[in-house]
Protein backbone atom coordinates (compact mmCIF):
# COMPACT_ATOMS: atom_id res chain seq x y z
CA MET A 1 -2.24 -9.79 -34.70
CA THR A 2 -4.75 -10.17 -31.85
CA THR A 3 -3.70 -8.80 -28.45
CA LEU A 4 -4.80 -11.10 -25.67
CA PRO A 5 -6.40 -9.49 -22.58
CA PRO A 6 -4.31 -9.43 -19.39
CA ARG A 7 -4.52 -12.58 -17.31
CA HIS A 8 -5.90 -12.28 -13.80
CA VAL A 9 -5.42 -14.75 -10.94
CA ASP A 10 -7.65 -14.83 -7.85
CA LEU A 11 -5.64 -14.23 -4.67
CA GLY A 12 -7.86 -12.15 -2.39
CA THR A 13 -11.33 -12.05 -0.86
CA PHE A 14 -13.49 -9.37 -2.50
CA PRO A 15 -15.34 -7.11 -2.21
CA THR A 16 -13.80 -5.89 1.01
CA PRO A 17 -16.28 -4.33 3.47
CA VAL A 18 -16.93 -0.66 4.06
CA GLU A 19 -17.58 0.28 7.69
CA PRO A 20 -18.73 3.54 9.35
CA LEU A 21 -16.40 5.55 11.62
CA PRO A 22 -18.86 7.76 13.54
CA ARG A 23 -16.73 8.31 16.66
CA LEU A 24 -13.69 9.28 14.64
CA ALA A 25 -15.87 11.54 12.51
CA ALA A 26 -17.15 13.30 15.63
CA ALA A 27 -13.60 13.73 16.95
CA LEU A 28 -12.65 15.45 13.70
CA GLY A 29 -15.71 17.72 13.63
CA LEU A 30 -17.47 15.83 10.84
CA GLN A 31 -21.02 14.55 10.83
CA PRO A 32 -21.51 10.94 12.08
CA ASN A 33 -22.34 9.58 8.61
CA ASP A 34 -19.51 11.41 6.82
CA LEU A 35 -16.59 9.07 7.46
CA TRP A 36 -16.16 5.42 6.41
CA VAL A 37 -13.30 2.96 6.02
CA LYS A 38 -12.73 0.58 3.11
CA ARG A 39 -11.16 -2.49 4.75
CA ASP A 40 -8.51 -3.48 2.23
CA ASP A 41 -6.50 -4.71 5.18
CA LEU A 42 -8.93 -7.66 5.00
CA THR A 43 -8.00 -8.92 1.54
CA GLY A 44 -7.04 -12.25 3.09
CA LEU A 45 -3.83 -13.77 1.78
CA GLY A 46 -0.61 -13.47 3.77
CA GLY A 47 -1.90 -10.97 6.33
CA GLY A 48 -3.87 -8.86 3.85
CA GLY A 49 -3.35 -5.41 2.38
CA ASN A 50 -3.66 -3.45 -0.84
CA LYS A 51 -0.84 -5.23 -2.67
CA ILE A 52 -3.03 -8.29 -3.18
CA ARG A 53 -5.20 -6.45 -5.71
CA LYS A 54 -2.09 -5.51 -7.72
CA LEU A 55 -0.51 -8.95 -7.50
CA GLU A 56 -3.61 -10.57 -8.96
CA TRP A 57 -2.62 -8.91 -12.24
CA THR A 58 1.18 -8.91 -12.16
CA VAL A 59 1.38 -12.52 -10.99
CA GLY A 60 -1.29 -13.46 -13.49
CA ALA A 61 0.94 -12.07 -16.24
CA ALA A 62 3.95 -13.94 -14.81
CA LEU A 63 2.04 -17.22 -14.83
CA ALA A 64 0.95 -16.61 -18.40
CA GLU A 65 4.63 -16.35 -19.33
CA GLY A 66 5.45 -19.61 -17.59
CA ALA A 67 7.23 -18.15 -14.56
CA THR A 68 8.13 -20.39 -11.62
CA THR A 69 9.85 -17.77 -9.42
CA LEU A 70 8.80 -14.26 -8.42
CA VAL A 71 11.52 -11.67 -7.79
CA THR A 72 10.81 -8.26 -6.27
CA THR A 73 12.37 -5.45 -4.26
CA GLY A 74 11.48 -3.21 -1.34
CA ALA A 75 12.54 -2.12 2.09
CA PRO A 76 13.19 -4.92 4.59
CA GLN A 77 9.74 -4.27 6.12
CA SER A 78 8.02 -4.17 2.71
CA ASN A 79 4.35 -5.17 2.71
CA HIS A 80 4.58 -5.74 -1.03
CA ALA A 81 7.49 -8.15 -0.62
CA ARG A 82 5.64 -10.07 2.10
CA LEU A 83 2.56 -10.47 -0.07
CA THR A 84 4.60 -11.38 -3.15
CA ALA A 85 6.05 -14.21 -1.07
CA ALA A 86 2.54 -15.19 0.03
CA ALA A 87 1.27 -15.21 -3.55
CA ALA A 88 4.21 -17.39 -4.60
CA ALA A 89 3.47 -19.83 -1.77
CA ARG A 90 -0.24 -19.97 -2.65
CA LEU A 91 0.58 -20.76 -6.28
CA GLY A 92 3.44 -23.22 -5.71
CA MET A 93 6.11 -20.79 -6.91
CA ASN A 94 9.39 -19.61 -5.38
CA ALA A 95 9.94 -16.05 -4.13
CA VAL A 96 13.20 -14.08 -4.02
CA LEU A 97 13.11 -10.73 -2.19
CA VAL A 98 15.91 -8.21 -2.82
CA PHE A 99 16.39 -5.81 0.10
CA PRO A 100 18.88 -3.06 0.88
CA GLY A 101 21.02 -3.52 3.98
CA SER A 102 22.40 -6.64 5.56
CA PRO A 103 20.95 -9.47 7.67
CA GLY A 104 20.57 -9.04 11.39
CA ALA A 105 19.31 -5.44 11.58
CA SER A 106 15.73 -6.57 12.25
CA HIS A 107 14.02 -9.89 12.91
CA SER A 108 10.46 -8.69 13.49
CA GLY A 109 7.45 -7.46 11.54
CA ASN A 110 7.19 -8.45 7.89
CA LEU A 111 10.58 -10.18 7.95
CA VAL A 112 9.17 -12.84 10.28
CA LEU A 113 6.41 -13.56 7.79
CA ASP A 114 8.86 -13.58 4.86
CA GLY A 115 10.65 -16.38 6.69
CA LEU A 116 7.48 -18.35 7.40
CA LEU A 117 6.51 -18.00 3.74
CA ASP A 118 9.90 -19.51 2.80
CA ALA A 119 11.07 -16.57 0.72
CA ARG A 120 14.74 -16.33 -0.20
CA ILE A 121 16.27 -13.00 0.82
CA VAL A 122 19.08 -11.30 -1.12
CA TRP A 123 20.72 -8.46 0.82
CA ALA A 124 22.04 -5.72 -1.47
CA GLY A 125 24.04 -3.70 1.06
CA ASP A 126 24.03 0.09 0.93
CA ALA A 127 21.79 0.40 -2.13
CA ASP A 128 19.62 3.28 -3.28
CA ALA A 129 16.53 2.72 -5.45
CA ASP A 130 18.49 2.55 -8.71
CA ARG A 131 21.09 0.17 -7.31
CA LEU A 132 18.37 -2.01 -5.82
CA ALA A 133 16.63 -2.26 -9.19
CA GLN A 134 19.93 -3.20 -10.83
CA GLU A 135 20.54 -5.89 -8.23
CA ALA A 136 17.03 -7.32 -8.76
CA THR A 137 17.67 -7.49 -12.51
CA ALA A 138 21.00 -9.22 -11.89
CA VAL A 139 19.34 -11.74 -9.56
CA THR A 140 16.67 -12.42 -12.18
CA GLU A 141 19.30 -13.08 -14.84
CA ARG A 142 21.28 -15.34 -12.51
CA LEU A 143 18.18 -17.40 -11.76
CA ARG A 144 17.48 -17.72 -15.47
CA ARG A 145 21.02 -19.01 -16.10
CA GLN A 146 20.45 -21.55 -13.34
CA GLY A 147 17.46 -22.94 -15.20
CA GLU A 148 14.66 -21.22 -13.32
CA ARG A 149 11.94 -19.15 -14.99
CA PRO A 150 11.86 -15.91 -12.98
CA ALA A 151 9.50 -12.94 -13.32
CA LEU A 152 10.51 -9.54 -11.96
CA ILE A 153 7.61 -7.85 -10.14
CA PRO A 154 8.06 -4.04 -10.05
CA PHE A 155 8.81 -1.96 -6.94
CA GLY A 156 5.70 -1.73 -4.78
CA GLY A 157 3.93 -3.95 -7.26
CA SER A 158 2.96 -0.82 -9.19
CA SER A 159 2.56 -0.64 -12.96
CA PRO A 160 -0.22 0.19 -15.41
CA LEU A 161 -1.21 -3.48 -15.31
CA ALA A 162 -1.18 -3.62 -11.50
CA ALA A 163 -3.30 -0.47 -11.26
CA ARG A 164 -6.20 -2.49 -12.68
CA GLY A 165 -6.55 -3.94 -9.19
CA TYR A 166 -7.61 -0.56 -7.83
CA LEU A 167 -9.83 0.12 -10.80
CA ARG A 168 -11.77 -2.86 -9.46
CA CYS A 169 -11.66 -1.34 -5.95
CA ALA A 170 -13.10 1.89 -7.34
CA GLU A 171 -15.99 -0.08 -8.83
CA GLU A 172 -16.64 -1.67 -5.43
CA LEU A 173 -16.64 1.73 -3.76
CA MET A 174 -19.15 3.19 -6.21
CA ALA A 175 -21.50 0.28 -5.45
CA GLN A 176 -20.96 0.47 -1.67
CA VAL A 177 -20.95 4.21 -0.91
CA ALA A 178 -23.55 6.55 -2.32
CA ASP A 179 -22.48 10.16 -2.91
CA LEU A 180 -18.79 9.44 -2.40
CA ARG A 181 -16.89 12.74 -2.38
CA HIS A 182 -13.41 11.85 -1.11
CA ALA A 183 -11.37 8.63 -1.14
CA VAL A 184 -8.26 9.14 1.02
CA VAL A 185 -5.33 6.79 0.48
CA ALA A 186 -1.65 6.45 1.32
CA LEU A 187 0.54 7.19 -1.68
CA GLY A 188 3.62 4.99 -1.88
CA SER A 189 4.69 3.59 -5.24
CA GLY A 190 1.64 5.04 -7.02
CA GLY A 191 -0.37 2.10 -8.36
CA THR A 192 -3.13 2.16 -5.75
CA MET A 193 -3.91 5.83 -6.25
CA ALA A 194 -3.64 5.42 -10.03
CA GLY A 195 -6.35 2.76 -10.15
CA LEU A 196 -8.63 4.81 -7.91
CA VAL A 197 -8.09 7.91 -10.07
CA ALA A 198 -8.91 5.90 -13.19
CA GLY A 199 -12.13 4.62 -11.65
CA LEU A 200 -13.34 7.53 -9.53
CA GLY A 201 -11.81 10.56 -11.23
CA ALA A 202 -8.89 12.61 -9.93
CA GLU A 203 -11.16 15.09 -8.18
CA ARG A 204 -12.43 12.43 -5.74
CA VAL A 205 -9.11 10.85 -4.76
CA LEU A 206 -6.81 12.40 -2.15
CA GLY A 207 -3.38 10.78 -2.00
CA VAL A 208 -1.18 11.33 1.04
CA ASP A 209 2.48 11.11 0.05
CA THR A 210 4.57 8.81 2.25
CA GLY A 211 7.90 9.77 0.69
CA ALA A 212 8.45 6.32 -0.80
CA ARG A 213 9.08 7.50 -4.36
CA ALA A 214 10.40 10.64 -6.04
CA GLU A 215 8.28 12.33 -8.74
CA ILE A 216 5.26 10.49 -7.42
CA ALA A 217 2.64 12.53 -9.30
CA ALA A 218 4.22 11.61 -12.64
CA ALA A 219 4.23 7.93 -11.62
CA VAL A 220 0.52 8.03 -10.77
CA CYS A 221 -0.28 9.57 -14.16
CA GLU A 222 1.88 7.01 -15.95
CA PHE A 223 0.09 4.11 -14.28
CA ALA A 224 -3.40 5.60 -14.63
CA ALA A 225 -3.23 6.70 -18.28
CA PRO A 226 -3.64 3.27 -19.97
CA ILE A 227 -6.73 2.38 -17.92
CA SER A 228 -8.44 5.80 -17.82
CA VAL A 229 -11.10 7.11 -20.17
CA THR A 230 -9.31 10.47 -19.97
CA ALA A 231 -5.66 10.35 -18.93
CA PRO A 232 -5.03 12.52 -15.86
CA THR A 233 -2.30 15.14 -15.70
CA THR A 234 -0.16 15.92 -12.67
CA GLU A 235 -2.15 19.14 -12.25
CA ASP A 236 -5.36 17.11 -11.95
CA LEU A 237 -4.15 15.10 -8.99
CA ARG A 238 -4.89 15.87 -5.35
CA ILE A 239 -1.74 15.00 -3.40
CA ARG A 240 -0.73 16.12 0.07
CA HIS A 241 3.00 16.18 0.77
CA ASP A 242 2.71 17.52 4.32
CA GLN A 243 3.08 14.14 6.08
CA VAL A 244 6.43 13.03 4.67
CA GLY A 245 8.30 14.62 7.58
CA LYS A 246 12.00 13.79 7.62
CA GLY A 247 11.52 11.01 5.12
CA TYR A 248 9.99 7.66 4.29
CA GLY A 249 9.50 5.50 7.36
CA VAL A 250 10.51 8.19 9.87
CA PHE A 251 7.99 8.31 12.73
CA THR A 252 6.39 11.73 13.26
CA ASP A 253 4.27 13.34 15.96
CA GLN A 254 1.40 13.68 13.48
CA VAL A 255 1.50 9.96 12.68
CA ALA A 256 1.66 9.08 16.38
CA ALA A 257 -1.43 11.21 17.04
CA ALA A 258 -3.26 9.63 14.11
CA LEU A 259 -2.48 6.08 15.28
CA LEU A 260 -3.74 6.90 18.75
CA LEU A 261 -6.90 8.70 17.61
CA ALA A 262 -7.94 5.90 15.22
CA GLY A 263 -7.24 3.28 17.86
CA ARG A 264 -9.04 4.88 20.77
CA THR A 265 -12.12 6.07 18.84
CA GLU A 266 -12.77 3.09 16.56
CA GLY A 267 -10.43 0.24 17.52
CA LEU A 268 -8.86 0.79 14.10
CA ILE A 269 -5.18 -0.22 13.98
CA LEU A 270 -2.97 1.60 11.50
CA ASP A 271 0.69 1.24 10.59
CA PRO A 272 3.32 3.99 11.04
CA VAL A 273 4.53 4.22 7.44
CA TYR A 274 1.44 4.19 5.19
CA THR A 275 -2.00 4.20 6.80
CA GLY A 276 -0.82 6.28 9.76
CA ARG A 277 0.39 8.96 7.36
CA ALA A 278 -2.81 8.70 5.33
CA MET A 279 -4.90 9.23 8.45
CA ALA A 280 -2.70 12.17 9.50
CA GLY A 281 -3.30 13.61 6.04
CA LEU A 282 -7.05 13.11 6.36
CA ILE A 283 -6.99 14.91 9.73
CA SER A 284 -5.06 17.82 8.19
CA ALA A 285 -7.44 17.92 5.23
CA VAL A 286 -10.39 18.36 7.60
CA GLN A 287 -8.53 21.01 9.59
CA ASP A 288 -7.70 23.09 6.51
CA GLY A 289 -11.13 22.69 4.89
CA ASP A 290 -10.19 20.42 1.98
CA ILE A 291 -12.66 17.90 3.46
CA LYS A 292 -15.79 19.51 4.91
CA PRO A 293 -18.69 18.31 7.08
CA GLY A 294 -21.43 16.79 4.96
CA GLU A 295 -19.01 15.34 2.38
CA LYS A 296 -18.98 11.53 2.27
CA THR A 297 -15.38 10.43 2.82
CA VAL A 298 -13.86 6.94 2.68
CA PHE A 299 -10.48 6.15 4.20
CA ILE A 300 -8.81 3.34 2.24
CA HIS A 301 -7.18 1.05 4.81
CA THR A 302 -4.34 -0.51 2.81
CA GLY A 303 -3.12 -2.82 5.60
CA GLY A 304 0.48 -3.06 6.77
CA LEU A 305 -0.08 -4.15 10.37
CA PRO A 306 2.93 -6.55 10.47
CA GLY A 307 5.22 -3.64 9.64
CA LEU A 308 4.20 -1.87 12.85
CA PHE A 309 5.92 -4.57 14.89
CA GLY A 310 9.14 -4.01 12.95
CA HIS A 311 9.13 -0.24 13.49
CA ARG A 312 11.18 0.53 16.60
CA ASP A 313 9.89 4.07 17.18
CA ALA A 314 6.23 3.14 16.76
CA VAL A 315 6.60 0.20 19.14
CA ALA A 316 8.36 2.43 21.68
CA PHE A 317 5.52 4.97 21.44
CA ALA A 318 2.88 2.30 22.06
CA GLU A 319 4.85 0.73 24.90
CA GLN A 320 5.21 4.14 26.55
CA ARG A 321 1.41 4.54 26.52
CA VAL A 322 1.03 1.23 28.33
CA ARG A 323 3.84 1.92 30.78
CA HIS A 324 2.49 5.31 31.79
CA GLY A 325 -1.12 4.17 32.06
CA TRP A 326 -3.86 6.72 32.75
CA ASP A 327 -1.39 9.51 33.35
CA SER A 328 -0.09 9.46 29.74
């Protein structure tokens, strides 16, 4: 029996550009040509971000199976959920987003865009990750009984299939950046880092844990193994856990400093949950010598800007800077 290759659907604008960050490099004690940013916040659809690369594969598989509705889970400010809704809209499909909590807690950030993209929201109440997954499965089955053809997209859009999107990103990076030594990326559900590891090798990829998923190293290896020439082990991976703080989504002083430094040196806007933590991890890696002057380093900007406007503590921090003016 012949196995058909995975189906891919075009959703984004690629390759995304790579831009120099000489002022930020100087602020960190690196050489001007050491530090670059891969602008995966500019992938296009639905406000952009890294999830588009993954959805090109997972939604492609759903279409191949005849799906008419995409179902997925995440936090209420999920970038993945927002872009799943955008992909559904682009392709004439329906989107159902299953979130923990209840309506009314927040009306800003990604939730605004979910509404404009006409996604249906199912609130699961006080649900942990396992309960949320169970609720998403139940919603999928209910839609099927109602005559729809739903496809369940995994948490964060991450799976071995989805990781192919960042295998493609790795290929872009190798063509764009000579002598690449470090690719620094936020580590959430694991698929983005997995694809980069498969394409660049574990030794060149530094993942900064955001606290989004337990046993994250094992997840990265699981997603990377099917698309790697040599399957990585958890011992092979370079992962920093020093930016998790009090937990996923909790604003920290290190993240606040990283947001401010990137903004004032390069006009680069980061979000408080993913890219802010990744930048804080990059700063720490330079400080402790894991990244050294003379080593070509690329920061993978995975997007997430809408989520900033739904993060109360990050907004309060930024508003305080404006309110206090030059004295702050």
